[in-house]
Amino acid sequence: MSVYNKLNQLGIALPPVAVPAAAYVPFVQTGKLVFLSGHIAKKDGKPWVGQLGLTMATEEGKLAARAIAIDLMGTLDAACKANGQTLDDVKRIVKVMSLVNSTGTFTEQHLVTNGASELFGEVFGPQAGAHARSAFGVAQIPMGACVEIELIAELA
């Protein structure tokens, strides 16, 4: 099944690429690798603000990470199209790095990040969607967002 058919089956519409909020670009391609800049969690078009372990529970953080994965796929789609390709040409999601705005005692950053990882596996399949990953707890994220995720993908 094509990636686009899978997204449609899941009821997911890819958003357009967000305008960068600072001095960076949304993605850079070198060779077959595409590096996506960090995307913060958004809810209703605004930063999804919160701190895991204080104002948010793990399950809500997981939903925020899933929302970021959808935004990341929108940016990855634009990166593919800029190169004359599509999401069906993604050979592999290589690496996901997740920053979770959390208290010093919160230890479930890996479970929060599963919200993105599980969706990548579902959309791209168990082979192409499986990736290396890091999940960090941090004291703060721009605009008070609860989660930020960046991604590296390989194109065919």
C-alpha atoms as a PDB file:
ATOM      1  CA  MET A   1       0.000   0.000   0.000  1.00  0.00           C
ATOM      2  CA  SER A   2       1.313   3.444  -0.848  1.00  0.00           C
ATOM      3  CA  VAL A   3       2.168   5.827   1.969  1.00  0.00           C
ATOM      4  CA  TYR A   4      -0.519   8.232   0.740  1.00  0.00           C
ATOM      5  CA  ASN A   5      -3.174   5.495   0.758  1.00  0.00           C
ATOM      6  CA  LYS A   6      -2.144   4.553   4.299  1.00  0.00           C
ATOM      7  CA  LEU A   7      -2.376   8.182   5.425  1.00  0.00           C
ATOM      8  CA  ASN A   8      -5.808   8.443   3.808  1.00  0.00           C
ATOM      9  CA  GLN A   9      -6.899   5.209   5.502  1.00  0.00           C
ATOM     10  CA  LEU A  10      -5.802   6.658   8.862  1.00  0.00           C
ATOM     11  CA  GLY A  11      -7.677   9.903   8.159  1.00  0.00           C
ATOM     12  CA  ILE A  12      -4.469  11.939   8.152  1.00  0.00           C
ATOM     13  CA  ALA A  13      -4.143  15.034   5.966  1.00  0.00           C
ATOM     14  CA  LEU A  14      -0.595  16.313   5.694  1.00  0.00           C
ATOM     15  CA  PRO A  15      -0.140  19.973   6.607  1.00  0.00           C
ATOM     16  CA  PRO A  16       1.920  22.394   4.520  1.00  0.00           C
ATOM     17  CA  VAL A  17       5.456  23.140   5.606  1.00  0.00           C
ATOM     18  CA  ALA A  18       5.493  25.582   8.516  1.00  0.00           C
ATOM     19  CA  VAL A  19       7.326  28.860   8.089  1.00  0.00           C
ATOM     20  CA  PRO A  20      10.509  28.755  10.222  1.00  0.00           C
ATOM     21  CA  ALA A  21      10.309  30.793  13.421  1.00  0.00           C
ATOM     22  CA  ALA A  22      14.018  31.693  13.395  1.00  0.00           C
ATOM     23  CA  ALA A  23      17.154  31.569  11.215  1.00  0.00           C
ATOM     24  CA  TYR A  24      16.938  28.050   9.764  1.00  0.00           C
ATOM     25  CA  VAL A  25      15.326  26.098   6.918  1.00  0.00           C
ATOM     26  CA  PRO A  26      12.701  23.356   7.353  1.00  0.00           C
ATOM     27  CA  PHE A  27      14.870  20.679   5.728  1.00  0.00           C
ATOM     28  CA  VAL A  28      18.235  20.042   4.111  1.00  0.00           C
ATOM     29  CA  GLN A  29      19.026  17.215   1.735  1.00  0.00           C
ATOM     30  CA  THR A  30      22.533  15.895   1.240  1.00  0.00           C
ATOM     31  CA  GLY A  31      22.899  12.865  -0.968  1.00  0.00           C
ATOM     32  CA  LYS A  32      20.003  10.551  -0.200  1.00  0.00           C
ATOM     33  CA  LEU A  33      19.577  11.797   3.363  1.00  0.00           C
ATOM     34  CA  VAL A  34      17.002  14.427   4.329  1.00  0.00           C
ATOM     35  CA  PHE A  35      17.428  16.215   7.668  1.00  0.00           C
ATOM     36  CA  LEU A  36      14.245  17.800   9.037  1.00  0.00           C
ATOM     37  CA  SER A  37      14.542  20.640  11.531  1.00  0.00           C
ATOM     38  CA  GLY A  38      12.869  20.215  14.890  1.00  0.00           C
ATOM     39  CA  HIS A  39       9.087  20.585  14.901  1.00  0.00           C
ATOM     40  CA  ILE A  40       7.285  21.579  18.084  1.00  0.00           C
ATOM     41  CA  ALA A  41       3.951  20.154  19.154  1.00  0.00           C
ATOM     42  CA  LYS A  42       0.959  22.214  18.073  1.00  0.00           C
ATOM     43  CA  LYS A  43      -2.678  22.018  19.055  1.00  0.00           C
ATOM     44  CA  ASP A  44      -5.281  24.034  17.159  1.00  0.00           C
ATOM     45  CA  GLY A  45      -2.460  25.770  15.263  1.00  0.00           C
ATOM     46  CA  LYS A  46      -0.752  27.073  18.403  1.00  0.00           C
ATOM     47  CA  PRO A  47       2.168  25.696  20.441  1.00  0.00           C
ATOM     48  CA  TRP A  48       0.998  22.769  22.587  1.00  0.00           C
ATOM     49  CA  VAL A  49       2.272  24.142  25.866  1.00  0.00           C
ATOM     50  CA  GLY A  50       2.981  22.014  28.902  1.00  0.00           C
ATOM     51  CA  GLN A  51       5.516  20.187  30.992  1.00  0.00           C
ATOM     52  CA  LEU A  52       5.413  16.420  31.386  1.00  0.00           C
ATOM     53  CA  GLY A  53       5.280  15.422  35.022  1.00  0.00           C
ATOM     54  CA  LEU A  54       3.795  18.774  36.058  1.00  0.00           C
ATOM     55  CA  THR A  55       0.920  19.884  33.812  1.00  0.00           C
ATOM     56  CA  MET A  56       0.762  16.918  31.414  1.00  0.00           C
ATOM     57  CA  ALA A  57       0.609  13.130  31.705  1.00  0.00           C
ATOM     58  CA  THR A  58       2.437  10.650  29.492  1.00  0.00           C
ATOM     59  CA  GLU A  59      -0.604   9.823  27.327  1.00  0.00           C
ATOM     60  CA  GLU A  60      -1.184  13.488  26.434  1.00  0.00           C
ATOM     61  CA  GLY A  61       2.516  13.853  25.617  1.00  0.00           C
ATOM     62  CA  LYS A  62       2.247  10.794  23.381  1.00  0.00           C
ATOM     63  CA  LEU A  63      -0.613  12.471  21.485  1.00  0.00           C
ATOM     64  CA  ALA A  64       1.541  15.587  21.095  1.00  0.00           C
ATOM     65  CA  ALA A  65       4.398  13.487  19.682  1.00  0.00           C
ATOM     66  CA  ARG A  66       1.975  11.837  17.240  1.00  0.00           C
ATOM     67  CA  ALA A  67       0.827  15.297  16.096  1.00  0.00           C
ATOM     68  CA  ILE A  68       4.447  16.263  15.502  1.00  0.00           C
ATOM     69  CA  ALA A  69       4.974  13.108  13.416  1.00  0.00           C
ATOM     70  CA  ILE A  70       2.149  14.261  11.132  1.00  0.00           C
ATOM     71  CA  ASP A  71       3.768  17.699  10.776  1.00  0.00           C
ATOM     72  CA  LEU A  72       7.139  16.060  10.099  1.00  0.00           C
ATOM     73  CA  MET A  73       5.604  13.918   7.350  1.00  0.00           C
ATOM     74  CA  GLY A  74       4.193  17.099   5.780  1.00  0.00           C
ATOM     75  CA  THR A  75       7.681  18.587   5.719  1.00  0.00           C
ATOM     76  CA  LEU A  76       9.198  15.321   4.473  1.00  0.00           C
ATOM     77  CA  ASP A  77       6.598  15.267   1.689  1.00  0.00           C
ATOM     78  CA  ALA A  78       7.694  18.771   0.637  1.00  0.00           C
ATOM     79  CA  ALA A  79      11.351  17.705   0.755  1.00  0.00           C
ATOM     80  CA  CYS A  80      10.576  14.705  -1.442  1.00  0.00           C
ATOM     81  CA  LYS A  81       8.640  16.817  -3.946  1.00  0.00           C
ATOM     82  CA  ALA A  82      11.498  19.366  -4.089  1.00  0.00           C
ATOM     83  CA  ASN A  83      13.626  16.471  -5.327  1.00  0.00           C
ATOM     84  CA  GLY A  84      11.020  15.128  -7.792  1.00  0.00           C
ATOM     85  CA  GLN A  85      10.060  12.280  -5.456  1.00  0.00           C
ATOM     86  CA  THR A  86       7.194  11.337  -3.132  1.00  0.00           C
ATOM     87  CA  LEU A  87       6.802   9.810   0.318  1.00  0.00           C
ATOM     88  CA  ASP A  88       6.659   6.444  -1.449  1.00  0.00           C
ATOM     89  CA  ASP A  89      10.361   7.015  -2.206  1.00  0.00           C
ATOM     90  CA  VAL A  90      11.288   7.105   1.486  1.00  0.00           C
ATOM     91  CA  LYS A  91      13.601   4.145   1.872  1.00  0.00           C
ATOM     92  CA  ARG A  92      13.870   4.463   5.641  1.00  0.00           C
ATOM     93  CA  ILE A  93      13.158   6.681   8.582  1.00  0.00           C
ATOM     94  CA  VAL A  94      16.735   6.660   9.867  1.00  0.00           C
ATOM     95  CA  LYS A  95      16.705   8.606  13.133  1.00  0.00           C
ATOM     96  CA  VAL A  96      14.264  10.406  15.392  1.00  0.00           C
ATOM     97  CA  MET A  97      15.420  12.756  18.137  1.00  0.00           C
ATOM     98  CA  SER A  98      12.824  13.827  20.667  1.00  0.00           C
ATOM     99  CA  LEU A  99      13.041  16.560  23.288  1.00  0.00           C
ATOM    100  CA  VAL A 100      10.403  16.336  25.999  1.00  0.00           C
ATOM    101  CA  ASN A 101       9.741  19.359  28.201  1.00  0.00           C
ATOM    102  CA  SER A 102       9.663  17.583  31.548  1.00  0.00           C
ATOM    103  CA  THR A 103      10.336  17.863  35.241  1.00  0.00           C
ATOM    104  CA  GLY A 104      13.524  16.470  36.730  1.00  0.00           C
ATOM    105  CA  THR A 105      11.617  13.501  38.124  1.00  0.00           C
ATOM    106  CA  PHE A 106       9.703  12.570  34.935  1.00  0.00           C
ATOM    107  CA  THR A 107      11.241   9.437  33.385  1.00  0.00           C
ATOM    108  CA  GLU A 108       8.834   8.438  30.603  1.00  0.00           C
ATOM    109  CA  GLN A 109      10.280  10.475  27.718  1.00  0.00           C
ATOM    110  CA  HIS A 110      10.671   7.239  25.748  1.00  0.00           C
ATOM    111  CA  LEU A 111       6.953   6.499  26.104  1.00  0.00           C
ATOM    112  CA  VAL A 112       6.008  10.024  25.016  1.00  0.00           C
ATOM    113  CA  THR A 113       8.196   9.638  21.919  1.00  0.00           C
ATOM    114  CA  ASN A 114       6.439   6.378  21.052  1.00  0.00           C
ATOM    115  CA  GLY A 115       3.570   8.561  19.820  1.00  0.00           C
ATOM    116  CA  ALA A 116       5.725   9.528  16.836  1.00  0.00           C
ATOM    117  CA  SER A 117       7.654   6.278  16.441  1.00  0.00           C
ATOM    118  CA  GLU A 118       4.532   4.114  16.354  1.00  0.00           C
ATOM    119  CA  LEU A 119       2.929   6.317  13.688  1.00  0.00           C
ATOM    120  CA  PHE A 120       6.044   6.206  11.490  1.00  0.00           C
ATOM    121  CA  GLY A 121       5.988   2.409  11.738  1.00  0.00           C
ATOM    122  CA  GLU A 122       2.304   2.293  10.855  1.00  0.00           C
ATOM    123  CA  VAL A 123       2.608   4.663   7.878  1.00  0.00           C
ATOM    124  CA  PHE A 124       5.928   3.526   6.370  1.00  0.00           C
ATOM    125  CA  GLY A 125       5.731  -0.124   7.436  1.00  0.00           C
ATOM    126  CA  PRO A 126       7.796  -2.178   9.874  1.00  0.00           C
ATOM    127  CA  GLN A 127      10.959  -2.084   7.755  1.00  0.00           C
ATOM    128  CA  ALA A 128      11.094   1.499   6.448  1.00  0.00           C
ATOM    129  CA  GLY A 129       9.439   2.950   9.554  1.00  0.00           C
ATOM    130  CA  ALA A 130      11.798   1.330  12.085  1.00  0.00           C
ATOM    131  CA  HIS A 131      14.423   3.844  13.182  1.00  0.00           C
ATOM    132  CA  ALA A 132      17.162   4.661  15.641  1.00  0.00           C
ATOM    133  CA  ARG A 133      15.992   7.085  18.304  1.00  0.00           C
ATOM    134  CA  SER A 134      16.921   9.308  21.213  1.00  0.00           C
ATOM    135  CA  ALA A 135      14.467  10.756  23.721  1.00  0.00           C
ATOM    136  CA  PHE A 136      15.655  13.441  26.124  1.00  0.00           C
ATOM    137  CA  GLY A 137      14.052  15.273  29.008  1.00  0.00           C
ATOM    138  CA  VAL A 138      14.782  18.998  28.826  1.00  0.00           C
ATOM    139  CA  ALA A 139      14.011  21.967  31.070  1.00  0.00           C
ATOM    140  CA  GLN A 140      12.258  23.978  28.352  1.00  0.00           C
ATOM    141  CA  ILE A 141      11.431  24.052  24.638  1.00  0.00           C
ATOM    142  CA  PRO A 142      10.806  27.153  22.483  1.00  0.00           C
ATOM    143  CA  MET A 143       7.437  28.807  23.134  1.00  0.00           C
ATOM    144  CA  GLY A 144       6.850  26.475  26.076  1.00  0.00           C
ATOM    145  CA  ALA A 145       5.960  23.544  23.805  1.00  0.00           C
ATOM    146  CA  CYS A 146       5.702  20.145  25.473  1.00  0.00           C
ATOM    147  CA  VAL A 147       7.636  18.176  22.821  1.00  0.00           C
ATOM    148  CA  GLU A 148       9.985  18.879  19.891  1.00  0.00           C
ATOM    149  CA  ILE A 149      11.097  16.224  17.406  1.00  0.00           C
ATOM    150  CA  GLU A 150      13.563  16.221  14.529  1.00  0.00           C
ATOM    151  CA  LEU A 151      14.000  13.504  11.928  1.00  0.00           C
ATOM    152  CA  ILE A 152      16.466  12.073   9.411  1.00  0.00           C
ATOM    153  CA  ALA A 153      15.135  10.057   6.470  1.00  0.00           C
ATOM    154  CA  GLU A 154      16.773   8.259   3.558  1.00  0.00           C
ATOM    155  CA  LEU A 155      15.312   8.514   0.055  1.00  0.00           C
ATOM    156  CA  ALA A 156      15.598   5.867  -2.637  1.00  0.00           C
END
